[in-house]
């Protein structure tokens, strides 16, 4: 049985998350929740047998921000 987790989003994050456009971007300053909503979106869109990609400008940013946020969401 799949594990269901409730995650709260701020209104602008929710707008991005629910966007049905083929291409969408969440643009905001430091601390606006870009990484968090991007990680949630990536996890929801992930399907068995498909490939996805999470990128960052540098490997340290990927390791220290994106990957850490993804793990915090999954583990908490």
PDB file of N, CA and C in Angstrom:
ATOM      1  N   UNK A   1       0.836  -1.174   0.000  1.00  0.00           N
ATOM      2  CA  UNK A   1       0.000   0.000   0.000  1.00  0.00           C
ATOM      3  C   UNK A   1       0.892   1.253   0.000  1.00  0.00           C
ATOM      4  N   UNK A   2       0.608   2.211  -0.885  1.00  0.00           N
ATOM      5  CA  UNK A   2       1.442   3.411  -0.952  1.00  0.00           C
ATOM      6  C   UNK A   2       1.315   4.263   0.313  1.00  0.00           C
ATOM      7  N   UNK A   3       2.394   4.942   0.627  1.00  0.00           N
ATOM      8  CA  UNK A   3       2.391   5.851   1.763  1.00  0.00           C
ATOM      9  C   UNK A   3       1.878   7.201   1.282  1.00  0.00           C
ATOM     10  N   UNK A   4       0.913   7.760   2.003  1.00  0.00           N
ATOM     11  CA  UNK A   4       0.356   9.061   1.661  1.00  0.00           C
ATOM     12  C   UNK A   4       0.855  10.066   2.675  1.00  0.00           C
ATOM     13  N   UNK A   5       1.348  11.186   2.171  1.00  0.00           N
ATOM     14  CA  UNK A   5       1.898  12.217   3.036  1.00  0.00           C
ATOM     15  C   UNK A   5       1.253  13.544   2.680  1.00  0.00           C
ATOM     16  N   UNK A   6       0.848  14.301   3.676  1.00  0.00           N
ATOM     17  CA  UNK A   6       0.265  15.617   3.450  1.00  0.00           C
ATOM     18  C   UNK A   6       1.369  16.669   3.527  1.00  0.00           C
ATOM     19  N   UNK A   7       1.448  17.484   2.505  1.00  0.00           N
ATOM     20  CA  UNK A   7       2.455  18.540   2.447  1.00  0.00           C
ATOM     21  C   UNK A   7       1.727  19.858   2.209  1.00  0.00           C
ATOM     22  N   UNK A   8       2.032  20.851   3.021  1.00  0.00           N
ATOM     23  CA  UNK A   8       1.413  22.168   2.884  1.00  0.00           C
ATOM     24  C   UNK A   8       2.272  23.065   2.001  1.00  0.00           C
ATOM     25  N   UNK A   9       1.600  23.778   1.102  1.00  0.00           N
ATOM     26  CA  UNK A   9       2.282  24.724   0.220  1.00  0.00           C
ATOM     27  C   UNK A   9       1.685  26.111   0.424  1.00  0.00           C
ATOM     28  N   UNK A  10       2.518  27.125   0.232  1.00  0.00           N
ATOM     29  CA  UNK A  10       2.030  28.493   0.231  1.00  0.00           C
ATOM     30  C   UNK A  10       1.242  28.725  -1.058  1.00  0.00           C
ATOM     31  N   UNK A  11       0.368  29.740  -1.100  1.00  0.00           N
ATOM     32  CA  UNK A  11      -0.477  29.945  -2.289  1.00  0.00           C
ATOM     33  C   UNK A  11       0.292  30.022  -3.613  1.00  0.00           C
ATOM     34  N   UNK A  12       1.401  30.745  -3.674  1.00  0.00           N
ATOM     35  CA  UNK A  12       2.159  30.846  -4.933  1.00  0.00           C
ATOM     36  C   UNK A  12       2.805  29.515  -5.302  1.00  0.00           C
ATOM     37  N   UNK A  13       3.244  28.755  -4.308  1.00  0.00           N
ATOM     38  CA  UNK A  13       3.788  27.425  -4.574  1.00  0.00           C
ATOM     39  C   UNK A  13       2.686  26.526  -5.119  1.00  0.00           C
ATOM     40  N   UNK A  14       1.498  26.625  -4.538  1.00  0.00           N
ATOM     41  CA  UNK A  14       0.367  25.814  -4.973  1.00  0.00           C
ATOM     42  C   UNK A  14      -0.025  26.162  -6.409  1.00  0.00           C
ATOM     43  N   UNK A  15       0.016  27.448  -6.758  1.00  0.00           N
ATOM     44  CA  UNK A  15      -0.267  27.854  -8.144  1.00  0.00           C
ATOM     45  C   UNK A  15       0.686  27.162  -9.105  1.00  0.00           C
ATOM     46  N   UNK A  16       1.976  27.170  -8.779  1.00  0.00           N
ATOM     47  CA  UNK A  16       2.974  26.499  -9.621  1.00  0.00           C
ATOM     48  C   UNK A  16       2.706  24.997  -9.671  1.00  0.00           C
ATOM     49  N   UNK A  17       2.481  24.400  -8.516  1.00  0.00           N
ATOM     50  CA  UNK A  17       2.295  22.953  -8.423  1.00  0.00           C
ATOM     51  C   UNK A  17       1.112  22.483  -9.264  1.00  0.00           C
ATOM     52  N   UNK A  18       0.049  23.248  -9.279  1.00  0.00           N
ATOM     53  CA  UNK A  18      -1.171  22.857 -10.005  1.00  0.00           C
ATOM     54  C   UNK A  18      -1.184  23.279 -11.470  1.00  0.00           C
ATOM     55  N   UNK A  19      -0.179  24.020 -11.910  1.00  0.00           N
ATOM     56  CA  UNK A  19      -0.119  24.501 -13.289  1.00  0.00           C
ATOM     57  C   UNK A  19      -0.106  23.310 -14.259  1.00  0.00           C
ATOM     58  N   UNK A  20      -0.940  23.374 -15.265  1.00  0.00           N
ATOM     59  CA  UNK A  20      -1.038  22.297 -16.251  1.00  0.00           C
ATOM     60  C   UNK A  20      -0.284  22.607 -17.546  1.00  0.00           C
ATOM     61  N   UNK A  21       0.369  23.771 -17.605  1.00  0.00           N
ATOM     62  CA  UNK A  21       1.119  24.136 -18.813  1.00  0.00           C
ATOM     63  C   UNK A  21       2.283  23.173 -19.021  1.00  0.00           C
ATOM     64  N   UNK A  22       2.680  23.028 -20.275  1.00  0.00           N
ATOM     65  CA  UNK A  22       3.796  22.128 -20.577  1.00  0.00           C
ATOM     66  C   UNK A  22       5.089  22.612 -19.930  1.00  0.00           C
ATOM     67  N   UNK A  23       5.312  23.911 -19.945  1.00  0.00           N
ATOM     68  CA  UNK A  23       6.494  24.502 -19.328  1.00  0.00           C
ATOM     69  C   UNK A  23       6.036  25.498 -18.269  1.00  0.00           C
ATOM     70  N   UNK A  24       6.622  25.413 -17.092  1.00  0.00           N
ATOM     71  CA  UNK A  24       6.283  26.330 -16.010  1.00  0.00           C
ATOM     72  C   UNK A  24       7.546  26.636 -15.221  1.00  0.00           C
ATOM     73  N   UNK A  25       7.570  27.783 -14.589  1.00  0.00           N
ATOM     74  CA  UNK A  25       8.709  28.163 -13.759  1.00  0.00           C
ATOM     75  C   UNK A  25       8.197  28.845 -12.507  1.00  0.00           C
ATOM     76  N   UNK A  26       8.848  28.555 -11.399  1.00  0.00           N
ATOM     77  CA  UNK A  26       8.561  29.242 -10.144  1.00  0.00           C
ATOM     78  C   UNK A  26       9.746  30.170  -9.896  1.00  0.00           C
ATOM     79  N   UNK A  27       9.507  31.456 -10.022  1.00  0.00           N
ATOM     80  CA  UNK A  27      10.576  32.444  -9.901  1.00  0.00           C
ATOM     81  C   UNK A  27      10.372  33.219  -8.609  1.00  0.00           C
ATOM     82  N   UNK A  28      11.421  33.288  -7.791  1.00  0.00           N
ATOM     83  CA  UNK A  28      11.321  34.023  -6.540  1.00  0.00           C
ATOM     84  C   UNK A  28      12.694  34.209  -5.931  1.00  0.00           C
ATOM     85  N   UNK A  29      12.731  34.975  -4.892  1.00  0.00           N
ATOM     86  CA  UNK A  29      13.990  35.263  -4.212  1.00  0.00           C
ATOM     87  C   UNK A  29      14.415  34.131  -3.298  1.00  0.00           C
ATOM     88  N   UNK A  30      15.509  34.376  -2.584  1.00  0.00           N
ATOM     89  CA  UNK A  30      16.005  33.398  -1.616  1.00  0.00           C
ATOM     90  C   UNK A  30      14.953  33.192  -0.538  1.00  0.00           C
ATOM     91  N   UNK A  31      14.654  31.937  -0.257  1.00  0.00           N
ATOM     92  CA  UNK A  31      13.679  31.615   0.784  1.00  0.00           C
ATOM     93  C   UNK A  31      12.233  31.610   0.332  1.00  0.00           C
ATOM     94  N   UNK A  32      11.993  31.744  -0.976  1.00  0.00           N
ATOM     95  CA  UNK A  32      10.609  31.782  -1.468  1.00  0.00           C
ATOM     96  C   UNK A  32       9.991  30.403  -1.642  1.00  0.00           C
ATOM     97  N   UNK A  33      10.786  29.345  -1.520  1.00  0.00           N
ATOM     98  CA  UNK A  33      10.248  27.987  -1.603  1.00  0.00           C
ATOM     99  C   UNK A  33      10.395  27.326  -2.953  1.00  0.00           C
ATOM    100  N   UNK A  34      11.271  27.848  -3.807  1.00  0.00           N
ATOM    101  CA  UNK A  34      11.460  27.273  -5.141  1.00  0.00           C
ATOM    102  C   UNK A  34      11.923  25.819  -5.073  1.00  0.00           C
ATOM    103  N   UNK A  35      12.938  25.578  -4.272  1.00  0.00           N
ATOM    104  CA  UNK A  35      13.490  24.224  -4.170  1.00  0.00           C
ATOM    105  C   UNK A  35      12.471  23.272  -3.584  1.00  0.00           C
ATOM    106  N   UNK A  36      11.780  23.697  -2.542  1.00  0.00           N
ATOM    107  CA  UNK A  36      10.805  22.824  -1.882  1.00  0.00           C
ATOM    108  C   UNK A  36       9.702  22.402  -2.846  1.00  0.00           C
ATOM    109  N   UNK A  37       9.065  23.363  -3.506  1.00  0.00           N
ATOM    110  CA  UNK A  37       7.970  23.011  -4.407  1.00  0.00           C
ATOM    111  C   UNK A  37       8.486  22.246  -5.618  1.00  0.00           C
ATOM    112  N   UNK A  38       9.710  22.536  -6.061  1.00  0.00           N
ATOM    113  CA  UNK A  38      10.283  21.773  -7.169  1.00  0.00           C
ATOM    114  C   UNK A  38      10.509  20.314  -6.797  1.00  0.00           C
ATOM    115  N   UNK A  39      10.967  20.074  -5.585  1.00  0.00           N
ATOM    116  CA  UNK A  39      11.166  18.693  -5.116  1.00  0.00           C
ATOM    117  C   UNK A  39       9.833  17.964  -4.980  1.00  0.00           C
ATOM    118  N   UNK A  40       8.838  18.636  -4.423  1.00  0.00           N
ATOM    119  CA  UNK A  40       7.513  18.019  -4.293  1.00  0.00           C
ATOM    120  C   UNK A  40       6.966  17.689  -5.672  1.00  0.00           C
ATOM    121  N   UNK A  41       7.081  18.638  -6.591  1.00  0.00           N
ATOM    122  CA  UNK A  41       6.587  18.426  -7.953  1.00  0.00           C
ATOM    123  C   UNK A  41       7.287  17.241  -8.611  1.00  0.00           C
ATOM    124  N   UNK A  42       8.617  17.159  -8.469  1.00  0.00           N
ATOM    125  CA  UNK A  42       9.386  16.066  -9.078  1.00  0.00           C
ATOM    126  C   UNK A  42       8.966  14.715  -8.517  1.00  0.00           C
ATOM    127  N   UNK A  43       8.737  14.653  -7.208  1.00  0.00           N
ATOM    128  CA  UNK A  43       8.331  13.378  -6.601  1.00  0.00           C
ATOM    129  C   UNK A  43       6.945  12.952  -7.067  1.00  0.00           C
ATOM    130  N   UNK A  44       6.037  13.888  -7.196  1.00  0.00           N
ATOM    131  CA  UNK A  44       4.678  13.560  -7.633  1.00  0.00           C
ATOM    132  C   UNK A  44       4.681  13.122  -9.096  1.00  0.00           C
ATOM    133  N   UNK A  45       5.501  13.751  -9.919  1.00  0.00           N
ATOM    134  CA  UNK A  45       5.547  13.431 -11.350  1.00  0.00           C
ATOM    135  C   UNK A  45       6.323  12.158 -11.657  1.00  0.00           C
ATOM    136  N   UNK A  46       7.155  11.703 -10.747  1.00  0.00           N
ATOM    137  CA  UNK A  46       7.966  10.505 -10.993  1.00  0.00           C
ATOM    138  C   UNK A  46       7.064   9.289 -11.190  1.00  0.00           C
ATOM    139  N   UNK A  47       7.334   8.537 -12.221  1.00  0.00           N
ATOM    140  CA  UNK A  47       6.576   7.337 -12.534  1.00  0.00           C
ATOM    141  C   UNK A  47       7.544   6.175 -12.735  1.00  0.00           C
ATOM    142  N   UNK A  48       7.158   4.976 -12.292  1.00  0.00           N
ATOM    143  CA  UNK A  48       8.032   3.814 -12.516  1.00  0.00           C
ATOM    144  C   UNK A  48       8.334   3.641 -14.009  1.00  0.00           C
ATOM    145  N   UNK A  49       9.575   3.342 -14.307  1.00  0.00           N
ATOM    146  CA  UNK A  49       9.973   3.092 -15.680  1.00  0.00           C
ATOM    147  C   UNK A  49      10.271   4.346 -16.492  1.00  0.00           C
ATOM    148  N   UNK A  50      10.230   5.518 -15.855  1.00  0.00           N
ATOM    149  CA  UNK A  50      10.531   6.746 -16.580  1.00  0.00           C
ATOM    150  C   UNK A  50      11.795   7.383 -16.005  1.00  0.00           C
ATOM    151  N   UNK A  51      12.347   8.312 -16.749  1.00  0.00           N
ATOM    152  CA  UNK A  51      13.532   9.025 -16.296  1.00  0.00           C
ATOM    153  C   UNK A  51      13.166  10.465 -15.989  1.00  0.00           C
ATOM    154  N   UNK A  52      13.869  11.044 -15.062  1.00  0.00           N
ATOM    155  CA  UNK A  52      13.683  12.446 -14.730  1.00  0.00           C
ATOM    156  C   UNK A  52      15.043  13.051 -14.442  1.00  0.00           C
ATOM    157  N   UNK A  53      15.061  14.340 -14.269  1.00  0.00           N
ATOM    158  CA  UNK A  53      16.328  15.024 -14.045  1.00  0.00           C
ATOM    159  C   UNK A  53      16.096  16.201 -13.117  1.00  0.00           C
ATOM    160  N   UNK A  54      16.900  16.272 -12.077  1.00  0.00           N
ATOM    161  CA  UNK A  54      16.914  17.425 -11.189  1.00  0.00           C
ATOM    162  C   UNK A  54      18.295  18.040 -11.342  1.00  0.00           C
ATOM    163  N   UNK A  55      18.340  19.319 -11.647  1.00  0.00           N
ATOM    164  CA  UNK A  55      19.621  19.965 -11.914  1.00  0.00           C
ATOM    165  C   UNK A  55      19.815  21.182 -11.016  1.00  0.00           C
ATOM    166  N   UNK A  56      21.050  21.618 -10.937  1.00  0.00           N
ATOM    167  CA  UNK A  56      21.422  22.840 -10.227  1.00  0.00           C
ATOM    168  C   UNK A  56      22.633  23.424 -10.947  1.00  0.00           C
ATOM    169  N   UNK A  57      22.907  24.698 -10.728  1.00  0.00           N
ATOM    170  CA  UNK A  57      24.036  25.316 -11.424  1.00  0.00           C
ATOM    171  C   UNK A  57      25.389  24.670 -11.113  1.00  0.00           C
ATOM    172  N   UNK A  58      25.560  24.161  -9.890  1.00  0.00           N
ATOM    173  CA  UNK A  58      26.822  23.519  -9.518  1.00  0.00           C
ATOM    174  C   UNK A  58      26.524  22.260  -8.723  1.00  0.00           C
ATOM    175  N   UNK A  59      27.497  21.346  -8.687  1.00  0.00           N
ATOM    176  CA  UNK A  59      27.297  20.138  -7.896  1.00  0.00           C
ATOM    177  C   UNK A  59      27.109  20.446  -6.415  1.00  0.00           C
ATOM    178  N   UNK A  60      27.903  21.355  -5.801  1.00  0.00           N
ATOM    179  CA  UNK A  60      27.655  21.658  -4.389  1.00  0.00           C
ATOM    180  C   UNK A  60      26.236  22.177  -4.126  1.00  0.00           C
ATOM    181  N   UNK A  61      25.686  22.956  -5.046  1.00  0.00           N
ATOM    182  CA  UNK A  61      24.306  23.429  -4.873  1.00  0.00           C
ATOM    183  C   UNK A  61      23.326  22.267  -4.960  1.00  0.00           C
ATOM    184  N   UNK A  62      23.558  21.346  -5.876  1.00  0.00           N
ATOM    185  CA  UNK A  62      22.696  20.171  -5.994  1.00  0.00           C
ATOM    186  C   UNK A  62      22.761  19.341  -4.719  1.00  0.00           C
ATOM    187  N   UNK A  63      23.973  19.071  -4.245  1.00  0.00           N
ATOM    188  CA  UNK A  63      24.181  18.251  -3.055  1.00  0.00           C
ATOM    189  C   UNK A  63      23.647  18.932  -1.794  1.00  0.00           C
ATOM    190  N   UNK A  64      23.959  20.200  -1.610  1.00  0.00           N
ATOM    191  CA  UNK A  64      23.668  20.888  -0.357  1.00  0.00           C
ATOM    192  C   UNK A  64      22.265  21.473  -0.269  1.00  0.00           C
ATOM    193  N   UNK A  65      21.623  21.684  -1.406  1.00  0.00           N
ATOM    194  CA  UNK A  65      20.294  22.304  -1.391  1.00  0.00           C
ATOM    195  C   UNK A  65      19.233  21.351  -1.944  1.00  0.00           C
ATOM    196  N   UNK A  66      19.315  21.054  -3.234  1.00  0.00           N
ATOM    197  CA  UNK A  66      18.256  20.257  -3.875  1.00  0.00           C
ATOM    198  C   UNK A  66      18.146  18.858  -3.284  1.00  0.00           C
ATOM    199  N   UNK A  67      19.263  18.133  -3.225  1.00  0.00           N
ATOM    200  CA  UNK A  67      19.227  16.759  -2.719  1.00  0.00           C
ATOM    201  C   UNK A  67      18.850  16.732  -1.243  1.00  0.00           C
ATOM    202  N   UNK A  68      19.383  17.662  -0.469  1.00  0.00           N
ATOM    203  CA  UNK A  68      19.067  17.719   0.967  1.00  0.00           C
ATOM    204  C   UNK A  68      17.571  17.988   1.174  1.00  0.00           C
ATOM    205  N   UNK A  69      17.002  18.892   0.392  1.00  0.00           N
ATOM    206  CA  UNK A  69      15.575  19.182   0.499  1.00  0.00           C
ATOM    207  C   UNK A  69      14.755  17.963   0.128  1.00  0.00           C
ATOM    208  N   UNK A  70      15.133  17.274  -0.929  1.00  0.00           N
ATOM    209  CA  UNK A  70      14.420  16.059  -1.354  1.00  0.00           C
ATOM    210  C   UNK A  70      14.430  15.021  -0.231  1.00  0.00           C
ATOM    211  N   UNK A  71      15.581  14.813   0.371  1.00  0.00           N
ATOM    212  CA  UNK A  71      15.673  13.838   1.473  1.00  0.00           C
ATOM    213  C   UNK A  71      14.843  14.260   2.671  1.00  0.00           C
ATOM    214  N   UNK A  72      14.840  15.545   2.999  1.00  0.00           N
ATOM    215  CA  UNK A  72      14.044  16.027   4.132  1.00  0.00           C
ATOM    216  C   UNK A  72      12.553  15.762   3.906  1.00  0.00           C
ATOM    217  N   UNK A  73      12.091  15.954   2.686  1.00  0.00           N
ATOM    218  CA  UNK A  73      10.688  15.715   2.377  1.00  0.00           C
ATOM    219  C   UNK A  73      10.360  14.225   2.481  1.00  0.00           C
ATOM    220  N   UNK A  74      11.212  13.390   1.941  1.00  0.00           N
ATOM    221  CA  UNK A  74      10.959  11.951   1.924  1.00  0.00           C
ATOM    222  C   UNK A  74      11.050  11.351   3.326  1.00  0.00           C
ATOM    223  N   UNK A  75      12.057  11.759   4.088  1.00  0.00           N
ATOM    224  CA  UNK A  75      12.312  11.136   5.394  1.00  0.00           C
ATOM    225  C   UNK A  75      11.392  11.667   6.497  1.00  0.00           C
ATOM    226  N   UNK A  76      11.039  12.942   6.444  1.00  0.00           N
ATOM    227  CA  UNK A  76      10.240  13.520   7.536  1.00  0.00           C
ATOM    228  C   UNK A  76       8.803  13.063   7.522  1.00  0.00           C
TER     229      UNK A  76
END
